[in-house]
Amino acid sequence: VMHLFGLHGKSFIPLIMGFGCNVPAIMATRTLENRSDRILTMLIVPFMSCSARLPVYVLIAGAVFPQRAGNVIFMLYLFGIIMSLLISILFNKILFRKREAPFVMELPVYRNPGMRVILKHMWRKGQFYLKKMGGVILVASLVIWALGYFPRNVESGGEYDRLISRQEELLDKSGAGNGNTDGKIRKEIDQLRRAKEEVRQENSLIGRMGKAIEPVISPLGFDWKMGVSLLSGFAAKEIVVSTMGVLYQADSGEGTEKFGSLPERIHDEVYTKGPLVGKPVFTPLVGISFLIFVLLYLPCLAVITAVGRESGSWKWAGFVLFYTTALAWLASFVVFQAGSLLQLGCFI
């Protein structure tokens, strides 16, 4: 079956391992004797949805498709498999024209692991994850927070402060006599505070970075916050979630209405200015486009390092970085633009 897609039979094990983590999956390609088979397998392993992508899938699918989140996540896994097979056929014809080698594989004797071995394995994996959480992810989250907090420009919020004070004075004058009027004023105050926090965040260091890359990602339906989140994901995909948690705090700033969870804040996120003011940021079409980009673009820097070391050439590492990101952009572009043109958003 694997030969139908230009792959060696031994490529199956590394691809399956890729659903856990792409790095050991790439290292597992050492079992392939032929160099072309090894490199081809390395090039398609990143399309296997590793466990680091799952939190992003759960967050976005749960926020945008709360009733069909499970089906959406399943389709993402399936789409990744299909893309890996199609890319394998393409690369096998363009980059790795070769004769097929016979498949001979010696299987070791398999035994059921004992409880002690299982617990030890669980402990090591849990320890590794906690170290990762307390190391790379924590440091990255602190850096993202600092970039989003500084510089503190008091002047940028002066106009909003005056408008908020005016609305608060109206609220004090109205008292509790008119519930409808009070509700409208409180809603207006809440919107002003959100807009103030949004402006402050756009003027921060991370906001300026996001605005710089926004022209590249806007054809995909993404705003600058999504772009920064995806950019941080180059270090580790789990950081995408923590970055979004920091960035979307603008919707629950001081004095505004508090939302219960990050998925709810993402679901209720709306544009505060421009032609789309008041409309939701994460429409179903944007959600699909964003998830496809997360699926296809580079898993993390550790994968690049693994490809460079295992292939023996850093040009293949650079190629993986370039082609996965380009493919992700192209796929998201086609999905969003075609969906917008055909008005498919209402059917998703």
C-alpha atoms as a PDB file:
ATOM      1  CA  VAL A   1       0.000   0.000   0.000  1.00  0.00           C
ATOM      2  CA  MET A   2       2.792   2.432   0.891  1.00  0.00           C
ATOM      3  CA  HIS A   3       4.456   1.814  -2.492  1.00  0.00           C
ATOM      4  CA  LEU A   4       1.342   3.193  -4.207  1.00  0.00           C
ATOM      5  CA  PHE A   5       2.284   6.592  -2.777  1.00  0.00           C
ATOM      6  CA  GLY A   6       6.014   6.316  -3.457  1.00  0.00           C
ATOM      7  CA  LEU A   7       6.864   5.368   0.132  1.00  0.00           C
ATOM      8  CA  HIS A   8       8.755   2.437   1.567  1.00  0.00           C
ATOM      9  CA  GLY A   9       6.869   0.034   3.806  1.00  0.00           C
ATOM     10  CA  LYS A  10       9.102   0.954   6.745  1.00  0.00           C
ATOM     11  CA  SER A  11       7.917   4.564   6.465  1.00  0.00           C
ATOM     12  CA  PHE A  12       4.667   3.499   8.118  1.00  0.00           C
ATOM     13  CA  ILE A  13       6.134   3.331  11.642  1.00  0.00           C
ATOM     14  CA  PRO A  14       7.717   6.837  11.617  1.00  0.00           C
ATOM     15  CA  LEU A  15       4.488   8.292  10.226  1.00  0.00           C
ATOM     16  CA  ILE A  16       2.430   6.683  12.989  1.00  0.00           C
ATOM     17  CA  MET A  17       4.922   7.953  15.576  1.00  0.00           C
ATOM     18  CA  GLY A  18       4.414  11.445  14.158  1.00  0.00           C
ATOM     19  CA  PHE A  19       0.979  11.607  15.787  1.00  0.00           C
ATOM     20  CA  GLY A  20       2.752  11.650  19.130  1.00  0.00           C
ATOM     21  CA  CYS A  21       5.723  13.878  18.323  1.00  0.00           C
ATOM     22  CA  ASN A  22       7.369  14.643  14.998  1.00  0.00           C
ATOM     23  CA  VAL A  23      10.914  14.710  16.421  1.00  0.00           C
ATOM     24  CA  PRO A  24      11.193  11.012  17.431  1.00  0.00           C
ATOM     25  CA  ALA A  25       9.286  10.166  14.247  1.00  0.00           C
ATOM     26  CA  ILE A  26      12.009  11.820  12.173  1.00  0.00           C
ATOM     27  CA  MET A  27      14.673  10.023  14.200  1.00  0.00           C
ATOM     28  CA  ALA A  28      12.853   6.734  13.537  1.00  0.00           C
ATOM     29  CA  THR A  29      13.530   7.120   9.808  1.00  0.00           C
ATOM     30  CA  ARG A  30      16.984   5.665  10.551  1.00  0.00           C
ATOM     31  CA  THR A  31      15.406   2.237  10.010  1.00  0.00           C
ATOM     32  CA  LEU A  32      15.134   3.043   6.292  1.00  0.00           C
ATOM     33  CA  GLU A  33      18.238   1.869   4.443  1.00  0.00           C
ATOM     34  CA  ASN A  34      17.776   4.031   1.349  1.00  0.00           C
ATOM     35  CA  ARG A  35      18.660   7.713   1.806  1.00  0.00           C
ATOM     36  CA  SER A  36      15.931   8.891  -0.575  1.00  0.00           C
ATOM     37  CA  ASP A  37      13.316   6.942   1.386  1.00  0.00           C
ATOM     38  CA  ARG A  38      14.560   8.487   4.631  1.00  0.00           C
ATOM     39  CA  ILE A  39      14.452  12.064   3.371  1.00  0.00           C
ATOM     40  CA  LEU A  40      11.069  11.626   1.682  1.00  0.00           C
ATOM     41  CA  THR A  41       9.619  10.302   4.927  1.00  0.00           C
ATOM     42  CA  MET A  42      11.153  13.211   6.868  1.00  0.00           C
ATOM     43  CA  LEU A  43       9.538  15.684   4.486  1.00  0.00           C
ATOM     44  CA  ILE A  44       6.002  14.393   5.078  1.00  0.00           C
ATOM     45  CA  VAL A  45       6.193  13.560   8.801  1.00  0.00           C
ATOM     46  CA  PRO A  46       5.342  17.203   9.753  1.00  0.00           C
ATOM     47  CA  PHE A  47       1.837  16.707   8.318  1.00  0.00           C
ATOM     48  CA  MET A  48       1.079  14.153  11.013  1.00  0.00           C
ATOM     49  CA  SER A  49      -0.805  16.111  13.690  1.00  0.00           C
ATOM     50  CA  CYS A  50       1.448  15.862  16.747  1.00  0.00           C
ATOM     51  CA  SER A  51       0.126  16.127  20.294  1.00  0.00           C
ATOM     52  CA  ALA A  52       1.345  19.747  20.503  1.00  0.00           C
ATOM     53  CA  ARG A  53      -1.171  20.761  17.833  1.00  0.00           C
ATOM     54  CA  LEU A  54      -4.093  19.163  19.649  1.00  0.00           C
ATOM     55  CA  PRO A  55      -4.533  21.990  22.236  1.00  0.00           C
ATOM     56  CA  VAL A  56      -4.800  24.481  19.358  1.00  0.00           C
ATOM     57  CA  TYR A  57      -7.349  22.279  17.584  1.00  0.00           C
ATOM     58  CA  VAL A  58      -9.405  21.904  20.756  1.00  0.00           C
ATOM     59  CA  LEU A  59      -9.302  25.640  21.507  1.00  0.00           C
ATOM     60  CA  ILE A  60     -10.308  26.910  18.055  1.00  0.00           C
ATOM     61  CA  ALA A  61     -12.714  24.095  17.181  1.00  0.00           C
ATOM     62  CA  GLY A  62     -14.364  24.404  20.595  1.00  0.00           C
ATOM     63  CA  ALA A  63     -14.704  28.176  20.215  1.00  0.00           C
ATOM     64  CA  VAL A  64     -15.884  28.315  16.598  1.00  0.00           C
ATOM     65  CA  PHE A  65     -17.620  24.936  16.220  1.00  0.00           C
ATOM     66  CA  PRO A  66     -18.816  24.082  19.737  1.00  0.00           C
ATOM     67  CA  GLN A  67     -21.368  21.521  18.511  1.00  0.00           C
ATOM     68  CA  ARG A  68     -19.074  19.841  15.962  1.00  0.00           C
ATOM     69  CA  ALA A  69     -15.625  20.236  17.492  1.00  0.00           C
ATOM     70  CA  GLY A  70     -14.914  16.490  17.501  1.00  0.00           C
ATOM     71  CA  ASN A  71     -15.800  16.093  13.826  1.00  0.00           C
ATOM     72  CA  VAL A  72     -13.675  19.103  12.863  1.00  0.00           C
ATOM     73  CA  ILE A  73     -10.639  17.756  14.732  1.00  0.00           C
ATOM     74  CA  PHE A  74     -11.071  14.314  13.147  1.00  0.00           C
ATOM     75  CA  MET A  75     -11.213  15.889   9.681  1.00  0.00           C
ATOM     76  CA  LEU A  76      -8.002  17.801  10.417  1.00  0.00           C
ATOM     77  CA  TYR A  77      -6.176  14.572  11.246  1.00  0.00           C
ATOM     78  CA  LEU A  78      -7.573  12.962   8.099  1.00  0.00           C
ATOM     79  CA  PHE A  79      -6.667  15.973   5.959  1.00  0.00           C
ATOM     80  CA  GLY A  80      -3.088  15.847   7.258  1.00  0.00           C
ATOM     81  CA  ILE A  81      -2.783  12.185   6.245  1.00  0.00           C
ATOM     82  CA  ILE A  82      -4.186  12.889   2.780  1.00  0.00           C
ATOM     83  CA  MET A  83      -1.819  15.835   2.285  1.00  0.00           C
ATOM     84  CA  SER A  84       1.187  13.743   3.325  1.00  0.00           C
ATOM     85  CA  LEU A  85       0.322  11.060   0.769  1.00  0.00           C
ATOM     86  CA  LEU A  86      -0.267  13.574  -2.031  1.00  0.00           C
ATOM     87  CA  ILE A  87       2.981  15.400  -1.273  1.00  0.00           C
ATOM     88  CA  SER A  88       4.765  12.042  -1.192  1.00  0.00           C
ATOM     89  CA  ILE A  89       3.537  11.225  -4.707  1.00  0.00           C
ATOM     90  CA  LEU A  90       4.611  14.671  -5.936  1.00  0.00           C
ATOM     91  CA  PHE A  91       8.073  14.605  -4.356  1.00  0.00           C
ATOM     92  CA  ASN A  92       8.657  11.014  -5.454  1.00  0.00           C
ATOM     93  CA  LYS A  93       8.178  12.077  -9.066  1.00  0.00           C
ATOM     94  CA  ILE A  94      10.067  15.371  -8.861  1.00  0.00           C
ATOM     95  CA  LEU A  95      12.849  14.928  -6.283  1.00  0.00           C
ATOM     96  CA  PHE A  96      13.340  11.210  -5.713  1.00  0.00           C
ATOM     97  CA  ARG A  97      13.091   9.301  -8.961  1.00  0.00           C
ATOM     98  CA  LYS A  98      14.320   5.838  -8.066  1.00  0.00           C
ATOM     99  CA  ARG A  99      13.660   2.126  -8.322  1.00  0.00           C
ATOM    100  CA  GLU A 100      11.514   0.607  -5.643  1.00  0.00           C
ATOM    101  CA  ALA A 101      13.435  -1.471  -3.115  1.00  0.00           C
ATOM    102  CA  PRO A 102      11.890  -4.726  -1.852  1.00  0.00           C
ATOM    103  CA  PHE A 103      10.326  -4.494   1.593  1.00  0.00           C
ATOM    104  CA  VAL A 104      11.816  -6.891   4.110  1.00  0.00           C
ATOM    105  CA  MET A 105      11.262  -6.136   7.779  1.00  0.00           C
ATOM    106  CA  GLU A 106      12.173  -8.275  10.763  1.00  0.00           C
ATOM    107  CA  LEU A 107       9.745  -7.845  13.631  1.00  0.00           C
ATOM    108  CA  PRO A 108      10.962  -8.293  17.209  1.00  0.00           C
ATOM    109  CA  VAL A 109       9.149 -10.402  19.759  1.00  0.00           C
ATOM    110  CA  TYR A 110       6.372  -8.263  21.263  1.00  0.00           C
ATOM    111  CA  ARG A 111       5.297  -8.657  24.882  1.00  0.00           C
ATOM    112  CA  ASN A 112       2.694  -6.962  27.041  1.00  0.00           C
ATOM    113  CA  PRO A 113       4.416  -4.357  29.248  1.00  0.00           C
ATOM    114  CA  GLY A 114       4.213  -4.799  32.994  1.00  0.00           C
ATOM    115  CA  MET A 115       2.554  -2.275  35.281  1.00  0.00           C
ATOM    116  CA  ARG A 116       5.929  -1.123  36.592  1.00  0.00           C
ATOM    117  CA  VAL A 117       7.146  -0.359  33.072  1.00  0.00           C
ATOM    118  CA  ILE A 118       3.905   1.482  32.256  1.00  0.00           C
ATOM    119  CA  LEU A 119       4.076   3.638  35.388  1.00  0.00           C
ATOM    120  CA  LYS A 120       7.752   4.431  34.819  1.00  0.00           C
ATOM    121  CA  HIS A 121       7.019   5.433  31.232  1.00  0.00           C
ATOM    122  CA  MET A 122       4.092   7.617  32.346  1.00  0.00           C
ATOM    123  CA  TRP A 123       6.266   9.274  34.986  1.00  0.00           C
ATOM    124  CA  ARG A 124       9.016  10.085  32.497  1.00  0.00           C
ATOM    125  CA  LYS A 125       6.580  11.505  29.944  1.00  0.00           C
ATOM    126  CA  GLY A 126       4.775  13.539  32.601  1.00  0.00           C
ATOM    127  CA  GLN A 127       8.079  14.821  33.957  1.00  0.00           C
ATOM    128  CA  PHE A 128       9.169  15.833  30.463  1.00  0.00           C
ATOM    129  CA  TYR A 129       5.906  17.711  29.862  1.00  0.00           C
ATOM    130  CA  LEU A 130       6.095  19.537  33.201  1.00  0.00           C
ATOM    131  CA  LYS A 131       9.661  20.593  32.451  1.00  0.00           C
ATOM    132  CA  LYS A 132       8.521  21.840  29.061  1.00  0.00           C
ATOM    133  CA  MET A 133       5.601  23.710  30.626  1.00  0.00           C
ATOM    134  CA  GLY A 134       7.854  25.300  33.238  1.00  0.00           C
ATOM    135  CA  GLY A 135      10.600  26.019  30.745  1.00  0.00           C
ATOM    136  CA  VAL A 136       9.997  26.892  27.120  1.00  0.00           C
ATOM    137  CA  ILE A 137       6.250  27.546  27.331  1.00  0.00           C
ATOM    138  CA  LEU A 138       6.408  29.599  30.546  1.00  0.00           C
ATOM    139  CA  VAL A 139       9.320  31.726  29.336  1.00  0.00           C
ATOM    140  CA  ALA A 140       7.662  32.263  25.959  1.00  0.00           C
ATOM    141  CA  SER A 141       4.400  33.294  27.646  1.00  0.00           C
ATOM    142  CA  LEU A 142       6.243  35.817  29.819  1.00  0.00           C
ATOM    143  CA  VAL A 143       8.008  37.244  26.773  1.00  0.00           C
ATOM    144  CA  ILE A 144       4.700  37.542  24.909  1.00  0.00           C
ATOM    145  CA  TRP A 145       3.120  39.269  27.919  1.00  0.00           C
ATOM    146  CA  ALA A 146       6.019  41.744  28.203  1.00  0.00           C
ATOM    147  CA  LEU A 147       5.875  42.535  24.485  1.00  0.00           C
ATOM    148  CA  GLY A 148       2.140  43.113  24.803  1.00  0.00           C
ATOM    149  CA  TYR A 149       2.432  45.259  27.941  1.00  0.00           C
ATOM    150  CA  PHE A 150       5.197  47.671  26.921  1.00  0.00           C
ATOM    151  CA  PRO A 151       5.570  50.491  26.101  1.00  0.00           C
ATOM    152  CA  ARG A 152       2.940  52.089  28.323  1.00  0.00           C
ATOM    153  CA  ASN A 153       1.618  55.024  26.320  1.00  0.00           C
ATOM    154  CA  VAL A 154      -0.797  56.964  28.513  1.00  0.00           C
ATOM    155  CA  GLU A 155      -1.641  59.507  25.808  1.00  0.00           C
ATOM    156  CA  SER A 156      -3.142  56.886  23.469  1.00  0.00           C
ATOM    157  CA  GLY A 157      -5.988  56.234  25.910  1.00  0.00           C
ATOM    158  CA  GLY A 158      -6.715  59.833  26.886  1.00  0.00           C
ATOM    159  CA  GLU A 159      -9.636  60.292  24.504  1.00  0.00           C
ATOM    160  CA  TYR A 160     -11.214  57.024  25.622  1.00  0.00           C
ATOM    161  CA  ASP A 161     -10.834  58.046  29.280  1.00  0.00           C
ATOM    162  CA  ARG A 162     -12.759  61.243  28.591  1.00  0.00           C
ATOM    163  CA  LEU A 163     -15.536  59.365  26.790  1.00  0.00           C
ATOM    164  CA  ILE A 164     -15.738  56.800  29.585  1.00  0.00           C
ATOM    165  CA  SER A 165     -15.925  59.550  32.227  1.00  0.00           C
ATOM    166  CA  ARG A 166     -18.734  61.218  30.300  1.00  0.00           C
ATOM    167  CA  GLN A 167     -20.717  57.973  30.129  1.00  0.00           C
ATOM    168  CA  GLU A 168     -20.130  57.305  33.831  1.00  0.00           C
ATOM    169  CA  GLU A 169     -21.494  60.766  34.637  1.00  0.00           C
ATOM    170  CA  LEU A 170     -24.611  59.984  32.599  1.00  0.00           C
ATOM    171  CA  LEU A 171     -24.943  56.706  34.468  1.00  0.00           C
ATOM    172  CA  ASP A 172     -24.722  58.478  37.833  1.00  0.00           C
ATOM    173  CA  LYS A 173     -27.335  61.023  36.782  1.00  0.00           C
ATOM    174  CA  SER A 174     -29.765  58.407  35.493  1.00  0.00           C
ATOM    175  CA  GLY A 175     -29.586  56.498  38.776  1.00  0.00           C
ATOM    176  CA  ALA A 176     -31.518  53.242  38.955  1.00  0.00           C
ATOM    177  CA  GLY A 177     -34.764  54.625  37.591  1.00  0.00           C
ATOM    178  CA  ASN A 178     -34.475  53.378  34.007  1.00  0.00           C
ATOM    179  CA  GLY A 179     -33.103  49.891  33.586  1.00  0.00           C
ATOM    180  CA  ASN A 180     -32.971  50.012  29.776  1.00  0.00           C
ATOM    181  CA  THR A 181     -31.033  53.289  29.750  1.00  0.00           C
ATOM    182  CA  ASP A 182     -28.620  52.047  32.413  1.00  0.00           C
ATOM    183  CA  GLY A 183     -28.029  48.875  30.426  1.00  0.00           C
ATOM    184  CA  LYS A 184     -27.227  50.806  27.255  1.00  0.00           C
ATOM    185  CA  ILE A 185     -24.840  53.130  29.079  1.00  0.00           C
ATOM    186  CA  ARG A 186     -23.051  50.229  30.777  1.00  0.00           C
ATOM    187  CA  LYS A 187     -22.734  48.471  27.427  1.00  0.00           C
ATOM    188  CA  GLU A 188     -21.290  51.635  25.892  1.00  0.00           C
ATOM    189  CA  ILE A 189     -18.781  51.955  28.746  1.00  0.00           C
ATOM    190  CA  ASP A 190     -17.787  48.322  28.305  1.00  0.00           C
ATOM    191  CA  GLN A 191     -17.233  48.806  24.563  1.00  0.00           C
ATOM    192  CA  LEU A 192     -15.164  51.949  25.162  1.00  0.00           C
ATOM    193  CA  ARG A 193     -12.938  50.141  27.652  1.00  0.00           C
ATOM    194  CA  ARG A 194     -12.435  47.299  25.215  1.00  0.00           C
ATOM    195  CA  ALA A 195     -11.571  49.725  22.433  1.00  0.00           C
ATOM    196  CA  LYS A 196      -9.127  51.532  24.732  1.00  0.00           C
ATOM    197  CA  GLU A 197      -7.382  48.272  25.614  1.00  0.00           C
ATOM    198  CA  GLU A 198      -7.342  47.279  21.951  1.00  0.00           C
ATOM    199  CA  VAL A 199      -5.622  50.541  20.978  1.00  0.00           C
ATOM    200  CA  ARG A 200      -3.112  50.167  23.812  1.00  0.00           C
ATOM    201  CA  GLN A 201      -2.301  46.645  22.681  1.00  0.00           C
ATOM    202  CA  GLU A 202      -1.929  47.664  19.042  1.00  0.00           C
ATOM    203  CA  ASN A 203       0.610  50.301  20.121  1.00  0.00           C
ATOM    204  CA  SER A 204       2.599  47.773  22.154  1.00  0.00           C
ATOM    205  CA  LEU A 205       5.706  46.049  20.812  1.00  0.00           C
ATOM    206  CA  ILE A 206       3.843  42.878  19.920  1.00  0.00           C
ATOM    207  CA  GLY A 207       1.065  44.908  18.314  1.00  0.00           C
ATOM    208  CA  ARG A 208       3.565  46.639  16.065  1.00  0.00           C
ATOM    209  CA  MET A 209       5.031  43.273  15.093  1.00  0.00           C
ATOM    210  CA  GLY A 210       1.565  41.958  14.330  1.00  0.00           C
ATOM    211  CA  LYS A 211       0.644  44.991  12.254  1.00  0.00           C
ATOM    212  CA  ALA A 212       3.867  44.563  10.278  1.00  0.00           C
ATOM    213  CA  ILE A 213       2.954  41.027   9.190  1.00  0.00           C
ATOM    214  CA  GLU A 214      -0.788  41.683   8.826  1.00  0.00           C
ATOM    215  CA  PRO A 215      -0.614  42.460   5.060  1.00  0.00           C
ATOM    216  CA  VAL A 216       0.785  38.955   4.497  1.00  0.00           C
ATOM    217  CA  ILE A 217      -1.875  37.142   6.519  1.00  0.00           C
ATOM    218  CA  SER A 218      -4.951  39.307   5.865  1.00  0.00           C
ATOM    219  CA  PRO A 219      -5.709  37.443   2.572  1.00  0.00           C
ATOM    220  CA  LEU A 220      -6.150  34.344   4.749  1.00  0.00           C
ATOM    221  CA  GLY A 221      -8.767  36.055   6.911  1.00  0.00           C
ATOM    222  CA  PHE A 222      -6.381  36.518   9.854  1.00  0.00           C
ATOM    223  CA  ASP A 223      -5.913  39.634  11.960  1.00  0.00           C
ATOM    224  CA  TRP A 224      -2.657  40.660  13.624  1.00  0.00           C
ATOM    225  CA  LYS A 225      -3.390  38.695  16.800  1.00  0.00           C
ATOM    226  CA  MET A 226      -3.700  35.460  14.853  1.00  0.00           C
ATOM    227  CA  GLY A 227      -0.500  36.291  12.996  1.00  0.00           C
ATOM    228  CA  VAL A 228       1.466  36.817  16.209  1.00  0.00           C
ATOM    229  CA  SER A 229       0.040  33.594  17.656  1.00  0.00           C
ATOM    230  CA  LEU A 230       1.132  31.635  14.589  1.00  0.00           C
ATOM    231  CA  LEU A 231       4.546  33.304  14.649  1.00  0.00           C
ATOM    232  CA  SER A 232       5.085  32.229  18.260  1.00  0.00           C
ATOM    233  CA  GLY A 233       4.127  28.690  17.256  1.00  0.00           C
ATOM    234  CA  PHE A 234       7.427  28.305  15.413  1.00  0.00           C
ATOM    235  CA  ALA A 235       9.047  27.691  18.810  1.00  0.00           C
ATOM    236  CA  ALA A 236       6.408  25.196  19.989  1.00  0.00           C
ATOM    237  CA  LYS A 237       2.788  24.728  18.992  1.00  0.00           C
ATOM    238  CA  GLU A 238       1.590  24.838  22.608  1.00  0.00           C
ATOM    239  CA  ILE A 239       2.736  28.464  22.714  1.00  0.00           C
ATOM    240  CA  VAL A 240       0.002  29.362  20.204  1.00  0.00           C
ATOM    241  CA  VAL A 241      -2.599  28.751  22.921  1.00  0.00           C
ATOM    242  CA  SER A 242      -0.720  30.688  25.613  1.00  0.00           C
ATOM    243  CA  THR A 243      -0.109  33.565  23.185  1.00  0.00           C
ATOM    244  CA  MET A 244      -3.792  33.769  22.331  1.00  0.00           C
ATOM    245  CA  GLY A 245      -4.558  33.711  26.039  1.00  0.00           C
ATOM    246  CA  VAL A 246      -2.347  36.774  26.534  1.00  0.00           C
ATOM    247  CA  LEU A 247      -3.537  38.662  23.451  1.00  0.00           C
ATOM    248  CA  TYR A 248      -7.245  38.140  23.946  1.00  0.00           C
ATOM    249  CA  GLN A 249      -7.050  39.476  27.491  1.00  0.00           C
ATOM    250  CA  ALA A 250      -7.752  42.786  25.760  1.00  0.00           C
ATOM    251  CA  ASP A 251     -11.372  41.678  25.670  1.00  0.00           C
ATOM    252  CA  SER A 252     -11.481  41.279  29.427  1.00  0.00           C
ATOM    253  CA  GLY A 253      -9.447  44.238  30.577  1.00  0.00           C
ATOM    254  CA  GLU A 254      -9.972  46.145  33.781  1.00  0.00           C
ATOM    255  CA  GLY A 255     -13.547  47.262  34.230  1.00  0.00           C
ATOM    256  CA  THR A 256     -14.954  45.278  31.321  1.00  0.00           C
ATOM    257  CA  GLU A 257     -17.334  42.399  31.437  1.00  0.00           C
ATOM    258  CA  LYS A 258     -15.456  39.218  32.325  1.00  0.00           C
ATOM    259  CA  PHE A 259     -15.816  36.163  30.127  1.00  0.00           C
ATOM    260  CA  GLY A 260     -15.616  32.682  31.561  1.00  0.00           C
ATOM    261  CA  SER A 261     -12.953  31.111  29.384  1.00  0.00           C
ATOM    262  CA  LEU A 262     -10.575  31.696  26.502  1.00  0.00           C
ATOM    263  CA  PRO A 263     -12.819  29.849  23.969  1.00  0.00           C
ATOM    264  CA  GLU A 264     -15.696  32.153  24.921  1.00  0.00           C
ATOM    265  CA  ARG A 265     -13.521  35.259  24.507  1.00  0.00           C
ATOM    266  CA  ILE A 266     -12.384  34.032  21.097  1.00  0.00           C
ATOM    267  CA  HIS A 267     -15.958  33.213  20.092  1.00  0.00           C
ATOM    268  CA  ASP A 268     -17.167  36.680  21.148  1.00  0.00           C
ATOM    269  CA  GLU A 269     -14.211  38.606  19.681  1.00  0.00           C
ATOM    270  CA  VAL A 270     -15.405  41.327  17.286  1.00  0.00           C
ATOM    271  CA  TYR A 271     -13.710  43.967  15.176  1.00  0.00           C
ATOM    272  CA  THR A 272     -13.612  47.310  16.982  1.00  0.00           C
ATOM    273  CA  LYS A 273     -12.875  49.431  13.920  1.00  0.00           C
ATOM    274  CA  GLY A 274     -12.680  49.336  10.155  1.00  0.00           C
ATOM    275  CA  PRO A 275     -15.276  48.155   7.614  1.00  0.00           C
ATOM    276  CA  LEU A 276     -15.981  44.992   9.647  1.00  0.00           C
ATOM    277  CA  VAL A 277     -16.609  46.806  12.945  1.00  0.00           C
ATOM    278  CA  GLY A 278     -18.962  44.856  15.177  1.00  0.00           C
ATOM    279  CA  LYS A 279     -18.629  41.639  13.161  1.00  0.00           C
ATOM    280  CA  PRO A 280     -17.066  38.479  14.643  1.00  0.00           C
ATOM    281  CA  VAL A 281     -13.362  37.912  14.022  1.00  0.00           C
ATOM    282  CA  PHE A 282     -13.475  34.120  14.147  1.00  0.00           C
ATOM    283  CA  THR A 283     -16.146  33.228  11.609  1.00  0.00           C
ATOM    284  CA  PRO A 284     -16.476  29.526  10.683  1.00  0.00           C
ATOM    285  CA  LEU A 285     -14.542  30.161   7.465  1.00  0.00           C
ATOM    286  CA  VAL A 286     -11.729  31.957   9.303  1.00  0.00           C
ATOM    287  CA  GLY A 287     -11.667  29.164  11.886  1.00  0.00           C
ATOM    288  CA  ILE A 288     -11.202  26.504   9.189  1.00  0.00           C
ATOM    289  CA  SER A 289      -8.531  28.597   7.461  1.00  0.00           C
ATOM    290  CA  PHE A 290      -6.667  29.090  10.749  1.00  0.00           C
ATOM    291  CA  LEU A 291      -6.803  25.386  11.665  1.00  0.00           C
ATOM    292  CA  ILE A 292      -5.534  24.343   8.229  1.00  0.00           C
ATOM    293  CA  PHE A 293      -2.609  26.739   8.582  1.00  0.00           C
ATOM    294  CA  VAL A 294      -1.771  25.310  12.022  1.00  0.00           C
ATOM    295  CA  LEU A 295      -1.932  21.796  10.581  1.00  0.00           C
ATOM    296  CA  LEU A 296       0.327  22.403   7.593  1.00  0.00           C
ATOM    297  CA  TYR A 297       2.958  24.910   8.659  1.00  0.00           C
ATOM    298  CA  LEU A 298       6.161  23.922  10.452  1.00  0.00           C
ATOM    299  CA  PRO A 299       5.487  22.053  13.742  1.00  0.00           C
ATOM    300  CA  CYS A 300       8.371  23.608  15.715  1.00  0.00           C
ATOM    301  CA  LEU A 301      12.067  24.477  15.627  1.00  0.00           C
ATOM    302  CA  ALA A 302      12.933  21.105  17.156  1.00  0.00           C
ATOM    303  CA  VAL A 303      11.648  19.440  13.981  1.00  0.00           C
ATOM    304  CA  ILE A 304      13.888  21.649  11.831  1.00  0.00           C
ATOM    305  CA  THR A 305      16.870  20.678  13.971  1.00  0.00           C
ATOM    306  CA  ALA A 306      15.958  16.986  13.761  1.00  0.00           C
ATOM    307  CA  VAL A 307      15.606  17.105   9.971  1.00  0.00           C
ATOM    308  CA  GLY A 308      18.956  18.864   9.605  1.00  0.00           C
ATOM    309  CA  ARG A 309      20.762  16.346  11.796  1.00  0.00           C
ATOM    310  CA  GLU A 310      19.105  13.190  10.472  1.00  0.00           C
ATOM    311  CA  SER A 311      19.393  14.166   6.798  1.00  0.00           C
ATOM    312  CA  GLY A 312      23.000  15.288   7.200  1.00  0.00           C
ATOM    313  CA  SER A 313      22.261  18.519   5.336  1.00  0.00           C
ATOM    314  CA  TRP A 314      20.711  21.743   6.609  1.00  0.00           C
ATOM    315  CA  LYS A 315      19.365  22.487   3.145  1.00  0.00           C
ATOM    316  CA  TRP A 316      16.647  19.895   3.760  1.00  0.00           C
ATOM    317  CA  ALA A 317      15.834  21.582   7.062  1.00  0.00           C
ATOM    318  CA  GLY A 318      15.493  24.908   5.263  1.00  0.00           C
ATOM    319  CA  PHE A 319      13.403  23.255   2.576  1.00  0.00           C
ATOM    320  CA  VAL A 320      10.981  21.856   5.181  1.00  0.00           C
ATOM    321  CA  LEU A 321      10.697  25.290   6.789  1.00  0.00           C
ATOM    322  CA  PHE A 322       9.969  26.953   3.453  1.00  0.00           C
ATOM    323  CA  TYR A 323       7.678  24.471   1.758  1.00  0.00           C
ATOM    324  CA  THR A 324       5.457  23.676   4.753  1.00  0.00           C
ATOM    325  CA  THR A 325       4.901  27.376   5.476  1.00  0.00           C
ATOM    326  CA  ALA A 326       4.283  28.177   1.801  1.00  0.00           C
ATOM    327  CA  LEU A 327       1.875  25.249   1.481  1.00  0.00           C
ATOM    328  CA  ALA A 328       0.026  26.324   4.636  1.00  0.00           C
ATOM    329  CA  TRP A 329      -0.354  29.876   3.300  1.00  0.00           C
ATOM    330  CA  LEU A 330      -1.541  28.652  -0.094  1.00  0.00           C
ATOM    331  CA  ALA A 331      -4.045  26.169   1.354  1.00  0.00           C
ATOM    332  CA  SER A 332      -5.493  28.727   3.781  1.00  0.00           C
ATOM    333  CA  PHE A 333      -5.642  31.319   1.008  1.00  0.00           C
ATOM    334  CA  VAL A 334      -7.592  28.984  -1.288  1.00  0.00           C
ATOM    335  CA  VAL A 335      -9.972  27.936   1.495  1.00  0.00           C
ATOM    336  CA  PHE A 336     -10.724  31.470   2.677  1.00  0.00           C
ATOM    337  CA  GLN A 337     -10.897  33.202  -0.697  1.00  0.00           C
ATOM    338  CA  ALA A 338     -12.884  30.430  -2.388  1.00  0.00           C
ATOM    339  CA  GLY A 339     -15.185  30.161   0.612  1.00  0.00           C
ATOM    340  CA  SER A 340     -15.734  33.919   0.655  1.00  0.00           C
ATOM    341  CA  LEU A 341     -16.340  34.042  -3.097  1.00  0.00           C
ATOM    342  CA  LEU A 342     -18.840  31.175  -3.019  1.00  0.00           C
ATOM    343  CA  GLN A 343     -20.284  32.329   0.331  1.00  0.00           C
ATOM    344  CA  LEU A 344     -19.683  28.937   1.901  1.00  0.00           C
ATOM    345  CA  GLY A 345     -19.288  30.332   5.417  1.00  0.00           C
ATOM    346  CA  CYS A 346     -23.002  29.944   6.144  1.00  0.00           C
ATOM    347  CA  PHE A 347     -22.843  26.228   5.273  1.00  0.00           C
ATOM    348  CA  ILE A 348     -19.927  25.377   7.581  1.00  0.00           C
END
